[in-house]
C-alpha atoms as a PDB file:
ATOM      1  CA  MET A   1       0.000   0.000   0.000  1.00  0.00           C
ATOM      2  CA  PRO A   2       2.711   2.589   0.841  1.00  0.00           C
ATOM      3  CA  GLY A   3       4.293   1.929  -2.548  1.00  0.00           C
ATOM      4  CA  GLU A   4       0.986   2.463  -4.332  1.00  0.00           C
ATOM      5  CA  THR A   5       0.441   5.728  -2.450  1.00  0.00           C
ATOM      6  CA  LYS A   6       3.876   6.980  -3.466  1.00  0.00           C
ATOM      7  CA  GLU A   7       3.208   6.133  -7.114  1.00  0.00           C
ATOM      8  CA  ARG A   8      -0.126   7.977  -7.017  1.00  0.00           C
ATOM      9  CA  VAL A   9       1.497  11.053  -5.466  1.00  0.00           C
ATOM     10  CA  LEU A  10       4.235  11.065  -8.084  1.00  0.00           C
ATOM     11  CA  ALA A  11       1.680  10.655 -10.881  1.00  0.00           C
ATOM     12  CA  VAL A  12      -0.341  13.632  -9.607  1.00  0.00           C
ATOM     13  CA  ALA A  13       2.828  15.714  -9.176  1.00  0.00           C
ATOM     14  CA  THR A  14       3.875  14.948 -12.761  1.00  0.00           C
ATOM     15  CA  LYS A  15       0.414  15.795 -14.086  1.00  0.00           C
ATOM     16  CA  LEU A  16       0.422  19.130 -12.260  1.00  0.00           C
ATOM     17  CA  GLY A  17       3.965  19.935 -13.423  1.00  0.00           C
ATOM     18  CA  TYR A  18       5.286  20.105  -9.880  1.00  0.00           C
ATOM     19  CA  GLN A  19       8.949  21.115  -9.543  1.00  0.00           C
ATOM     20  CA  PRO A  20      10.860  20.589  -6.280  1.00  0.00           C
ATOM     21  CA  ASN A  21      11.847  23.803  -4.507  1.00  0.00           C
ATOM     22  CA  LYS A  22      15.599  23.514  -3.957  1.00  0.00           C
ATOM     23  CA  ILE A  23      15.695  26.369  -1.463  1.00  0.00           C
ATOM     24  CA  ALA A  24      12.932  24.798   0.631  1.00  0.00           C
ATOM     25  CA  ARG A  25      14.573  21.386   0.428  1.00  0.00           C
ATOM     26  CA  GLY A  26      17.852  23.003   1.390  1.00  0.00           C
ATOM     27  CA  LEU A  27      16.295  24.307   4.595  1.00  0.00           C
ATOM     28  CA  ILE A  28      15.577  20.707   5.564  1.00  0.00           C
ATOM     29  CA  THR A  29      18.692  18.942   4.275  1.00  0.00           C
ATOM     30  CA  GLY A  30      21.164  21.794   4.550  1.00  0.00           C
ATOM     31  CA  ARG A  31      22.055  21.282   0.848  1.00  0.00           C
ATOM     32  CA  THR A  32      20.665  22.791  -2.362  1.00  0.00           C
ATOM     33  CA  ARG A  33      22.934  20.779  -4.685  1.00  0.00           C
ATOM     34  CA  THR A  34      24.097  23.972  -6.369  1.00  0.00           C
ATOM     35  CA  ILE A  35      27.428  25.776  -6.308  1.00  0.00           C
ATOM     36  CA  GLY A  36      28.118  29.427  -6.989  1.00  0.00           C
ATOM     37  CA  VAL A  37      30.856  30.696  -9.306  1.00  0.00           C
ATOM     38  CA  ILE A  38      32.167  34.271  -9.387  1.00  0.00           C
ATOM     39  CA  ALA A  39      34.183  34.820 -12.573  1.00  0.00           C
ATOM     40  CA  GLY A  40      36.186  37.909 -13.417  1.00  0.00           C
ATOM     41  CA  ASP A  41      34.774  38.323 -16.926  1.00  0.00           C
ATOM     42  CA  ILE A  42      32.535  35.614 -18.379  1.00  0.00           C
ATOM     43  CA  SER A  43      32.930  37.084 -21.875  1.00  0.00           C
ATOM     44  CA  SER A  44      36.669  36.345 -21.949  1.00  0.00           C
ATOM     45  CA  PRO A  45      37.957  33.115 -23.532  1.00  0.00           C
ATOM     46  CA  PHE A  46      39.870  32.356 -20.330  1.00  0.00           C
ATOM     47  CA  TYR A  47      36.827  32.302 -18.074  1.00  0.00           C
ATOM     48  CA  ALA A  48      34.626  30.656 -20.700  1.00  0.00           C
ATOM     49  CA  ALA A  49      36.958  27.649 -20.759  1.00  0.00           C
ATOM     50  CA  VAL A  50      37.352  27.629 -16.964  1.00  0.00           C
ATOM     51  CA  LEU A  51      33.573  27.612 -16.537  1.00  0.00           C
ATOM     52  CA  ARG A  52      33.290  24.715 -18.970  1.00  0.00           C
ATOM     53  CA  GLY A  53      35.811  22.776 -16.887  1.00  0.00           C
ATOM     54  CA  ILE A  54      33.847  23.468 -13.702  1.00  0.00           C
ATOM     55  CA  SER A  55      30.648  22.386 -15.451  1.00  0.00           C
ATOM     56  CA  ASP A  56      32.242  19.125 -16.615  1.00  0.00           C
ATOM     57  CA  VAL A  57      32.757  18.059 -13.014  1.00  0.00           C
ATOM     58  CA  VAL A  58      29.792  19.641 -11.240  1.00  0.00           C
ATOM     59  CA  GLU A  59      27.106  18.486 -13.664  1.00  0.00           C
ATOM     60  CA  GLY A  60      28.709  15.050 -13.752  1.00  0.00           C
ATOM     61  CA  HIS A  61      27.905  14.835 -10.030  1.00  0.00           C
ATOM     62  CA  GLY A  62      24.311  15.950 -10.517  1.00  0.00           C
ATOM     63  CA  LEU A  63      24.798  19.474  -9.153  1.00  0.00           C
ATOM     64  CA  GLY A  64      23.809  22.785 -10.721  1.00  0.00           C
ATOM     65  CA  MET A  65      25.763  26.041 -11.119  1.00  0.00           C
ATOM     66  CA  LEU A  66      24.867  29.666 -10.475  1.00  0.00           C
ATOM     67  CA  ILE A  67      27.322  31.832 -12.436  1.00  0.00           C
ATOM     68  CA  THR A  68      27.963  35.500 -11.678  1.00  0.00           C
ATOM     69  CA  ASN A  69      30.347  38.062 -13.136  1.00  0.00           C
ATOM     70  CA  SER A  70      32.462  40.528 -11.131  1.00  0.00           C
ATOM     71  CA  ASP A  71      33.880  42.468 -14.108  1.00  0.00           C
ATOM     72  CA  GLU A  72      37.087  42.486 -12.036  1.00  0.00           C
ATOM     73  CA  THR A  73      35.545  45.042  -9.656  1.00  0.00           C
ATOM     74  CA  LEU A  74      35.404  44.514  -5.911  1.00  0.00           C
ATOM     75  CA  ASP A  75      31.935  46.008  -5.393  1.00  0.00           C
ATOM     76  CA  ARG A  76      30.410  43.580  -7.885  1.00  0.00           C
ATOM     77  CA  GLU A  77      32.257  40.652  -6.349  1.00  0.00           C
ATOM     78  CA  VAL A  78      30.958  41.569  -2.889  1.00  0.00           C
ATOM     79  CA  ALA A  79      27.397  41.825  -4.261  1.00  0.00           C
ATOM     80  CA  ALA A  80      27.754  38.489  -6.091  1.00  0.00           C
ATOM     81  CA  THR A  81      29.008  36.777  -2.929  1.00  0.00           C
ATOM     82  CA  LYS A  82      26.021  38.115  -0.999  1.00  0.00           C
ATOM     83  CA  LEU A  83      23.580  36.996  -3.716  1.00  0.00           C
ATOM     84  CA  LEU A  84      24.982  33.468  -3.913  1.00  0.00           C
ATOM     85  CA  ARG A  85      24.989  33.051  -0.147  1.00  0.00           C
ATOM     86  CA  GLU A  86      21.375  34.217  -0.017  1.00  0.00           C
ATOM     87  CA  ASN A  87      20.592  31.533  -2.588  1.00  0.00           C
ATOM     88  CA  GLN A  88      22.010  28.946  -0.195  1.00  0.00           C
ATOM     89  CA  VAL A  89      24.659  27.536  -2.562  1.00  0.00           C
ATOM     90  CA  ASP A  90      26.596  24.606  -1.128  1.00  0.00           C
ATOM     91  CA  GLY A  91      29.973  26.142  -1.993  1.00  0.00           C
ATOM     92  CA  LEU A  92      31.744  28.905  -3.905  1.00  0.00           C
ATOM     93  CA  ILE A  93      34.419  29.024  -6.596  1.00  0.00           C
ATOM     94  CA  VAL A  94      35.862  32.531  -6.852  1.00  0.00           C
ATOM     95  CA  SER A  95      38.473  34.326  -8.934  1.00  0.00           C
ATOM     96  CA  PRO A  96      39.090  37.076  -6.360  1.00  0.00           C
ATOM     97  CA  CYS A  97      39.691  40.737  -7.217  1.00  0.00           C
ATOM     98  CA  ASP A  98      41.278  41.581  -3.868  1.00  0.00           C
ATOM     99  CA  VAL A  99      44.258  39.339  -3.120  1.00  0.00           C
ATOM    100  CA  ALA A 100      45.211  41.240   0.039  1.00  0.00           C
ATOM    101  CA  ASP A 101      42.065  41.440   2.168  1.00  0.00           C
ATOM    102  CA  SER A 102      38.730  40.174   0.703  1.00  0.00           C
ATOM    103  CA  PRO A 103      36.782  40.520   4.000  1.00  0.00           C
ATOM    104  CA  HIS A 104      33.588  39.299   2.288  1.00  0.00           C
ATOM    105  CA  LEU A 105      35.278  35.990   1.413  1.00  0.00           C
ATOM    106  CA  ARG A 106      36.757  35.664   4.899  1.00  0.00           C
ATOM    107  CA  GLU A 107      33.289  36.203   6.370  1.00  0.00           C
ATOM    108  CA  ALA A 108      31.806  33.517   4.105  1.00  0.00           C
ATOM    109  CA  VAL A 109      34.485  30.996   5.081  1.00  0.00           C
ATOM    110  CA  LYS A 110      34.073  31.844   8.772  1.00  0.00           C
ATOM    111  CA  ALA A 111      30.337  31.148   8.390  1.00  0.00           C
ATOM    112  CA  GLY A 112      31.190  27.654   7.119  1.00  0.00           C
ATOM    113  CA  MET A 113      30.948  28.166   3.356  1.00  0.00           C
ATOM    114  CA  PRO A 114      33.185  25.690   1.440  1.00  0.00           C
ATOM    115  CA  MET A 115      35.291  27.639  -1.050  1.00  0.00           C
ATOM    116  CA  ALA A 116      37.940  27.195  -3.733  1.00  0.00           C
ATOM    117  CA  LEU A 117      39.872  30.011  -5.382  1.00  0.00           C
ATOM    118  CA  ILE A 118      40.917  29.972  -8.993  1.00  0.00           C
ATOM    119  CA  ASP A 119      43.784  31.841 -10.696  1.00  0.00           C
ATOM    120  CA  ARG A 120      44.583  33.930  -7.597  1.00  0.00           C
ATOM    121  CA  LYS A 121      45.281  33.421  -3.910  1.00  0.00           C
ATOM    122  CA  VAL A 122      44.137  35.677  -1.051  1.00  0.00           C
ATOM    123  CA  ARG A 123      46.599  36.462   1.715  1.00  0.00           C
ATOM    124  CA  GLY A 124      45.852  34.426   4.837  1.00  0.00           C
ATOM    125  CA  LEU A 125      42.605  32.901   3.512  1.00  0.00           C
ATOM    126  CA  LEU A 126      42.844  29.194   4.294  1.00  0.00           C
ATOM    127  CA  VAL A 127      41.002  27.635   1.366  1.00  0.00           C
ATOM    128  CA  ASP A 128      41.990  25.496  -1.624  1.00  0.00           C
ATOM    129  CA  THR A 129      43.515  27.320  -4.603  1.00  0.00           C
ATOM    130  CA  VAL A 130      44.186  26.335  -8.216  1.00  0.00           C
ATOM    131  CA  ALA A 131      46.378  28.442 -10.509  1.00  0.00           C
ATOM    132  CA  VAL A 132      49.144  28.150 -13.095  1.00  0.00           C
ATOM    133  CA  GLU A 133      52.902  28.522 -12.739  1.00  0.00           C
ATOM    134  CA  ASN A 134      52.961  32.197 -13.697  1.00  0.00           C
ATOM    135  CA  VAL A 135      56.488  33.119 -12.645  1.00  0.00           C
ATOM    136  CA  GLN A 136      58.316  30.187 -14.210  1.00  0.00           C
ATOM    137  CA  SER A 137      56.403  30.218 -17.509  1.00  0.00           C
ATOM    138  CA  SER A 138      56.851  33.991 -17.910  1.00  0.00           C
ATOM    139  CA  ARG A 139      60.551  33.705 -17.105  1.00  0.00           C
ATOM    140  CA  ASP A 140      60.964  30.996 -19.736  1.00  0.00           C
ATOM    141  CA  ALA A 141      59.103  33.034 -22.365  1.00  0.00           C
ATOM    142  CA  VAL A 142      61.179  36.175 -21.788  1.00  0.00           C
ATOM    143  CA  ARG A 143      64.327  34.042 -21.702  1.00  0.00           C
ATOM    144  CA  ARG A 144      63.531  32.910 -25.259  1.00  0.00           C
ATOM    145  CA  LEU A 145      63.460  36.544 -26.361  1.00  0.00           C
ATOM    146  CA  LEU A 146      66.763  37.290 -24.625  1.00  0.00           C
ATOM    147  CA  MET A 147      68.406  34.194 -26.111  1.00  0.00           C
ATOM    148  CA  ALA A 148      67.354  35.433 -29.554  1.00  0.00           C
ATOM    149  CA  GLY A 149      69.448  38.548 -28.967  1.00  0.00           C
ATOM    150  CA  HIS A 150      66.776  41.006 -27.852  1.00  0.00           C
ATOM    151  CA  ARG A 151      67.945  43.462 -25.209  1.00  0.00           C
ATOM    152  CA  ARG A 152      65.036  45.908 -25.292  1.00  0.00           C
ATOM    153  CA  VAL A 153      62.156  43.664 -24.273  1.00  0.00           C
ATOM    154  CA  GLY A 154      59.033  45.505 -23.175  1.00  0.00           C
ATOM    155  CA  ILE A 155      56.295  44.084 -20.957  1.00  0.00           C
ATOM    156  CA  ILE A 156      52.682  45.236 -21.087  1.00  0.00           C
ATOM    157  CA  ALA A 157      50.802  44.182 -17.963  1.00  0.00           C
ATOM    158  CA  GLU A 158      47.758  45.204 -15.939  1.00  0.00           C
ATOM    159  CA  LEU A 159      49.446  46.393 -12.749  1.00  0.00           C
ATOM    160  CA  ALA A 160      46.943  49.049 -11.540  1.00  0.00           C
ATOM    161  CA  THR A 161      49.349  50.662  -9.123  1.00  0.00           C
ATOM    162  CA  ASP A 162      51.175  53.827  -8.247  1.00  0.00           C
ATOM    163  CA  GLU A 163      54.727  54.553  -9.275  1.00  0.00           C
ATOM    164  CA  THR A 164      56.094  54.037  -5.759  1.00  0.00           C
ATOM    165  CA  ARG A 165      54.821  50.467  -5.448  1.00  0.00           C
ATOM    166  CA  LEU A 166      56.315  49.539  -8.820  1.00  0.00           C
ATOM    167  CA  LYS A 167      59.681  51.049  -7.856  1.00  0.00           C
ATOM    168  CA  ASP A 168      59.654  49.132  -4.566  1.00  0.00           C
ATOM    169  CA  PHE A 169      58.826  45.905  -6.390  1.00  0.00           C
ATOM    170  CA  LEU A 170      61.666  46.416  -8.887  1.00  0.00           C
ATOM    171  CA  ALA A 171      64.112  47.173  -6.081  1.00  0.00           C
ATOM    172  CA  ALA A 172      63.078  44.026  -4.172  1.00  0.00           C
ATOM    173  CA  ALA A 173      63.499  41.898  -7.288  1.00  0.00           C
ATOM    174  CA  LYS A 174      67.049  43.028  -8.086  1.00  0.00           C
ATOM    175  CA  ASN A 175      68.739  40.239  -6.163  1.00  0.00           C
ATOM    176  CA  GLN A 176      65.992  37.693  -5.561  1.00  0.00           C
ATOM    177  CA  PRO A 177      62.284  37.166  -6.151  1.00  0.00           C
ATOM    178  CA  PRO A 178      60.085  39.399  -3.942  1.00  0.00           C
ATOM    179  CA  GLU A 179      58.503  37.731  -0.928  1.00  0.00           C
ATOM    180  CA  GLY A 180      54.980  36.349  -1.145  1.00  0.00           C
ATOM    181  CA  LEU A 181      54.807  36.124  -4.938  1.00  0.00           C
ATOM    182  CA  GLN A 182      51.971  33.592  -4.852  1.00  0.00           C
ATOM    183  CA  LEU A 183      49.907  36.102  -2.892  1.00  0.00           C
ATOM    184  CA  LEU A 184      50.117  38.701  -5.630  1.00  0.00           C
ATOM    185  CA  SER A 185      47.883  39.033  -8.666  1.00  0.00           C
ATOM    186  CA  THR A 186      48.819  37.080 -11.788  1.00  0.00           C
ATOM    187  CA  SER A 187      50.171  40.143 -13.616  1.00  0.00           C
ATOM    188  CA  TRP A 188      52.628  40.878 -10.809  1.00  0.00           C
ATOM    189  CA  GLN A 189      53.749  37.257 -10.822  1.00  0.00           C
ATOM    190  CA  ARG A 190      54.352  37.463 -14.567  1.00  0.00           C
ATOM    191  CA  LEU A 191      56.294  40.689 -14.105  1.00  0.00           C
ATOM    192  CA  ALA A 192      58.434  38.818 -11.570  1.00  0.00           C
ATOM    193  CA  GLY A 193      59.174  36.175 -14.215  1.00  0.00           C
ATOM    194  CA  TYR A 194      60.150  38.921 -16.667  1.00  0.00           C
ATOM    195  CA  LEU A 195      62.561  40.367 -14.097  1.00  0.00           C
ATOM    196  CA  GLU A 196      64.002  36.934 -13.207  1.00  0.00           C
ATOM    197  CA  ALA A 197      64.844  36.262 -16.861  1.00  0.00           C
ATOM    198  CA  HIS A 198      66.783  39.523 -17.098  1.00  0.00           C
ATOM    199  CA  ARG A 199      68.582  38.853 -13.823  1.00  0.00           C
ATOM    200  CA  ALA A 200      69.641  35.395 -15.055  1.00  0.00           C
ATOM    201  CA  PHE A 201      71.251  37.090 -18.073  1.00  0.00           C
ATOM    202  CA  GLY A 202      72.930  39.705 -15.880  1.00  0.00           C
ATOM    203  CA  LEU A 203      70.900  42.462 -17.529  1.00  0.00           C
ATOM    204  CA  GLU A 204      69.572  45.643 -15.960  1.00  0.00           C
ATOM    205  CA  VAL A 205      65.903  46.264 -16.646  1.00  0.00           C
ATOM    206  CA  ASP A 206      64.988  49.622 -18.146  1.00  0.00           C
ATOM    207  CA  PRO A 207      61.930  50.783 -16.120  1.00  0.00           C
ATOM    208  CA  ASN A 208      60.691  52.595 -19.235  1.00  0.00           C
ATOM    209  CA  LEU A 209      60.129  49.198 -20.850  1.00  0.00           C
ATOM    210  CA  ILE A 210      57.646  48.199 -18.132  1.00  0.00           C
ATOM    211  CA  LEU A 211      54.279  49.439 -19.328  1.00  0.00           C
ATOM    212  CA  ALA A 212      51.939  49.315 -16.326  1.00  0.00           C
ATOM    213  CA  VAL A 213      48.372  49.307 -17.601  1.00  0.00           C
ATOM    214  CA  ASN A 214      45.918  50.837 -15.141  1.00  0.00           C
ATOM    215  CA  GLY A 215      42.835  48.742 -15.781  1.00  0.00           C
ATOM    216  CA  HIS A 216      42.003  45.360 -17.229  1.00  0.00           C
ATOM    217  CA  SER A 217      40.980  46.489 -20.721  1.00  0.00           C
ATOM    218  CA  ALA A 218      42.174  46.132 -24.287  1.00  0.00           C
ATOM    219  CA  LEU A 219      41.858  49.891 -24.843  1.00  0.00           C
ATOM    220  CA  ALA A 220      44.140  50.659 -21.900  1.00  0.00           C
ATOM    221  CA  ALA A 221      46.651  48.140 -23.275  1.00  0.00           C
ATOM    222  CA  GLN A 222      46.381  49.727 -26.712  1.00  0.00           C
ATOM    223  CA  ASN A 223      47.344  53.106 -25.257  1.00  0.00           C
ATOM    224  CA  ALA A 224      50.239  51.570 -23.309  1.00  0.00           C
ATOM    225  CA  ALA A 225      51.524  49.850 -26.446  1.00  0.00           C
ATOM    226  CA  LEU A 226      51.368  53.169 -28.307  1.00  0.00           C
ATOM    227  CA  VAL A 227      53.596  54.706 -25.630  1.00  0.00           C
ATOM    228  CA  ALA A 228      56.038  51.810 -25.923  1.00  0.00           C
ATOM    229  CA  LEU A 229      56.239  51.887 -29.708  1.00  0.00           C
ATOM    230  CA  THR A 230      56.787  55.634 -29.951  1.00  0.00           C
ATOM    231  CA  LYS A 231      59.847  55.501 -27.704  1.00  0.00           C
ATOM    232  CA  ASN A 232      63.245  56.105 -29.246  1.00  0.00           C
ATOM    233  CA  PRO A 233      64.727  53.586 -29.303  1.00  0.00           C
ATOM    234  CA  ARG A 234      61.611  51.452 -29.148  1.00  0.00           C
ATOM    235  CA  PRO A 235      61.489  47.843 -27.901  1.00  0.00           C
ATOM    236  CA  THR A 236      62.551  45.144 -30.323  1.00  0.00           C
ATOM    237  CA  ALA A 237      60.246  42.646 -28.601  1.00  0.00           C
ATOM    238  CA  LEU A 238      57.129  42.695 -26.412  1.00  0.00           C
ATOM    239  CA  PHE A 239      55.820  40.319 -23.777  1.00  0.00           C
ATOM    240  CA  CYS A 240      52.075  40.711 -23.143  1.00  0.00           C
ATOM    241  CA  ALA A 241      51.021  39.490 -19.703  1.00  0.00           C
ATOM    242  CA  ASP A 242      47.486  38.362 -20.583  1.00  0.00           C
ATOM    243  CA  GLY A 243      44.950  38.022 -23.374  1.00  0.00           C
ATOM    244  CA  LEU A 244      43.430  41.508 -23.147  1.00  0.00           C
ATOM    245  CA  MET A 245      46.897  43.066 -23.097  1.00  0.00           C
ATOM    246  CA  SER A 246      47.755  41.167 -26.301  1.00  0.00           C
ATOM    247  CA  VAL A 247      44.529  42.264 -28.046  1.00  0.00           C
ATOM    248  CA  GLY A 248      45.218  45.935 -27.328  1.00  0.00           C
ATOM    249  CA  THR A 249      48.891  45.608 -28.219  1.00  0.00           C
ATOM    250  CA  MET A 250      48.144  43.942 -31.549  1.00  0.00           C
ATOM    251  CA  ALA A 251      45.685  46.724 -32.401  1.00  0.00           C
ATOM    252  CA  THR A 252      48.451  49.303 -31.929  1.00  0.00           C
ATOM    253  CA  ILE A 253      50.977  47.258 -33.915  1.00  0.00           C
ATOM    254  CA  SER A 254      48.541  47.051 -36.827  1.00  0.00           C
ATOM    255  CA  ALA A 255      47.650  50.753 -36.598  1.00  0.00           C
ATOM    256  CA  LYS A 256      51.325  51.707 -36.818  1.00  0.00           C
ATOM    257  CA  GLY A 257      51.851  49.469 -39.829  1.00  0.00           C
ATOM    258  CA  LEU A 258      54.422  47.273 -38.100  1.00  0.00           C
ATOM    259  CA  GLN A 259      54.947  43.615 -38.956  1.00  0.00           C
ATOM    260  CA  VAL A 260      55.507  40.731 -36.551  1.00  0.00           C
ATOM    261  CA  PRO A 261      58.237  39.465 -36.365  1.00  0.00           C
ATOM    262  CA  SER A 262      60.204  41.496 -38.955  1.00  0.00           C
ATOM    263  CA  ASP A 263      59.665  44.785 -37.081  1.00  0.00           C
ATOM    264  CA  LEU A 264      58.834  43.459 -33.647  1.00  0.00           C
ATOM    265  CA  SER A 265      58.979  40.079 -31.925  1.00  0.00           C
ATOM    266  CA  MET A 266      56.122  39.143 -29.643  1.00  0.00           C
ATOM    267  CA  ILE A 267      55.129  36.513 -27.067  1.00  0.00           C
ATOM    268  CA  CYS A 268      51.805  36.563 -25.227  1.00  0.00           C
ATOM    269  CA  PHE A 269      50.510  34.965 -22.051  1.00  0.00           C
ATOM    270  CA  ASP A 270      47.207  33.245 -22.957  1.00  0.00           C
ATOM    271  CA  ASP A 271      46.533  31.535 -26.264  1.00  0.00           C
ATOM    272  CA  LEU A 272      43.602  33.144 -28.091  1.00  0.00           C
ATOM    273  CA  ASP A 273      41.953  32.051 -31.335  1.00  0.00           C
ATOM    274  CA  TRP A 274      42.984  35.142 -33.308  1.00  0.00           C
ATOM    275  CA  MET A 275      46.668  34.331 -32.727  1.00  0.00           C
ATOM    276  CA  THR A 276      46.410  31.527 -35.279  1.00  0.00           C
ATOM    277  CA  PHE A 277      44.738  33.718 -37.903  1.00  0.00           C
ATOM    278  CA  VAL A 278      47.394  36.432 -38.267  1.00  0.00           C
ATOM    279  CA  GLY A 279      50.514  35.653 -40.239  1.00  0.00           C
ATOM    280  CA  PRO A 280      52.843  34.155 -39.209  1.00  0.00           C
ATOM    281  CA  GLY A 281      50.907  33.539 -35.967  1.00  0.00           C
ATOM    282  CA  ILE A 282      51.691  34.627 -32.417  1.00  0.00           C
ATOM    283  CA  ASP A 283      53.790  32.637 -29.953  1.00  0.00           C
ATOM    284  CA  ALA A 284      51.728  32.115 -26.814  1.00  0.00           C
ATOM    285  CA  ILE A 285      51.767  30.567 -23.368  1.00  0.00           C
ATOM    286  CA  ALA A 286      48.674  28.367 -23.386  1.00  0.00           C
ATOM    287  CA  GLN A 287      47.034  27.978 -19.992  1.00  0.00           C
ATOM    288  CA  PRO A 288      45.257  24.694 -19.188  1.00  0.00           C
ATOM    289  CA  ARG A 289      42.046  26.655 -18.666  1.00  0.00           C
ATOM    290  CA  ARG A 290      39.594  23.762 -18.689  1.00  0.00           C
ATOM    291  CA  ARG A 291      41.836  21.759 -16.347  1.00  0.00           C
ATOM    292  CA  LEU A 292      41.904  24.732 -13.961  1.00  0.00           C
ATOM    293  CA  GLY A 293      38.122  24.645 -13.780  1.00  0.00           C
ATOM    294  CA  ARG A 294      37.977  20.892 -13.311  1.00  0.00           C
ATOM    295  CA  ALA A 295      40.579  20.942 -10.544  1.00  0.00           C
ATOM    296  CA  ALA A 296      38.797  23.740  -8.667  1.00  0.00           C
ATOM    297  CA  ALA A 297      35.460  21.929  -8.935  1.00  0.00           C
ATOM    298  CA  ARG A 298      36.916  18.660  -7.621  1.00  0.00           C
ATOM    299  CA  LEU A 299      38.491  20.447  -4.665  1.00  0.00           C
ATOM    300  CA  LEU A 300      35.239  22.218  -3.848  1.00  0.00           C
ATOM    301  CA  LEU A 301      33.115  19.077  -4.094  1.00  0.00           C
ATOM    302  CA  ALA A 302      35.514  17.314  -1.760  1.00  0.00           C
ATOM    303  CA  ARG A 303      35.150  20.119   0.792  1.00  0.00           C
ATOM    304  CA  ILE A 304      31.362  20.073   0.430  1.00  0.00           C
ATOM    305  CA  GLY A 305      31.656  16.382   1.199  1.00  0.00           C
ATOM    306  CA  GLU A 306      33.452  17.460   4.390  1.00  0.00           C
ATOM    307  CA  ALA A 307      36.950  16.466   3.319  1.00  0.00           C
ATOM    308  CA  GLN A 308      39.460  17.363   6.019  1.00  0.00           C
ATOM    309  CA  GLY A 309      43.072  18.467   5.823  1.00  0.00           C
ATOM    310  CA  ALA A 310      45.142  21.569   5.158  1.00  0.00           C
ATOM    311  CA  PRO A 311      44.201  23.793   2.200  1.00  0.00           C
ATOM    312  CA  ARG A 312      45.677  22.611  -1.079  1.00  0.00           C
ATOM    313  CA  ASP A 313      47.564  24.923  -3.438  1.00  0.00           C
ATOM    314  CA  ILE A 314      47.646  23.322  -6.889  1.00  0.00           C
ATOM    315  CA  ARG A 315      49.830  24.844  -9.620  1.00  0.00           C
ATOM    316  CA  LEU A 316      49.352  23.653 -13.199  1.00  0.00           C
ATOM    317  CA  SER A 317      51.999  24.084 -15.883  1.00  0.00           C
ATOM    318  CA  PRO A 318      51.066  25.925 -19.089  1.00  0.00           C
ATOM    319  CA  ARG A 319      52.753  25.117 -22.401  1.00  0.00           C
ATOM    320  CA  MET A 320      54.512  27.267 -24.957  1.00  0.00           C
ATOM    321  CA  ILE A 321      53.102  27.296 -28.499  1.00  0.00           C
ATOM    322  CA  GLU A 322      55.537  28.507 -31.156  1.00  0.00           C
ATOM    323  CA  ARG A 323      54.096  30.030 -34.322  1.00  0.00           C
ATOM    324  CA  GLY A 324      56.897  32.216 -35.623  1.00  0.00           C
ATOM    325  CA  SER A 325      56.459  35.606 -33.935  1.00  0.00           C
ATOM    326  CA  LEU A 326      60.011  35.584 -32.583  1.00  0.00           C
ATOM    327  CA  ARG A 327      62.909  36.711 -34.787  1.00  0.00           C
ATOM    328  CA  SER A 328      66.553  36.372 -33.850  1.00  0.00           C
ATOM    329  CA  ILE A 329      68.541  39.634 -34.044  1.00  0.00           C
ATOM    330  CA  ARG A 330      71.941  38.294 -32.997  1.00  0.00           C
END
């Protein structure tokens, strides 16, 4: 009889189009079987691939995703964190804007919210993190330019800082890598790799070749590249620290009628589709974006399942793709 009653109830529910209320069920079970994701910019190829990697794992375990976008601004990230917590998500995956403080993330963790960080680490926040080896891969890329004979290698990076902080960072990096590199944003880590490559060659870095872009936008990078390429003498090679920096830089190169690599060698961090379409193609450091997402999702699901142990810090190795944008000038 109980079985027949259950079947009748299910039949009526189906006929009426009843859908379970996850929030209500979550009040009873303590779980909504959803996770929240706060991405920096969901329109970028980097985050699109990361989100796909997260989805591969999460949906494979029968969970849903609520995706929000911070636009790399702290106010939006704080609002997104509040929204996702109000929706009773079981855990959060965040690409944090603020790597120094992030009190909203600390509050969430203190309240018992499982969390995994992706691409960046927050100082003193004891949660799992997944990122790539930014310093080493940037050092190796710039080393390739130096080995090809280039001595005026410019870097275009989103560093959003004042002149004093940049000077202090350069001074600290003269003899050894600055302390706490993993606690800095990815662009600063990639700048550290640029500096390490020069130090290994016994070369002084010309501060004028460090183009600090104030804002994560292609237009800001375009203006920085224009400054670099109007210098006399101008750089013979450029290292772009992320995809948006490379888009803006390439726009300036094209506008000035320069050719890669005959007029200017170039290596970019992040492999974007357009880099295969221009001749001869752009050398790029390809991040394992989908793997980053999968790794973060696995770590989060383990914590939701009450896995114990110290926070894990996973670093994945990107790979260099050579397409012919580097010319030897020795």
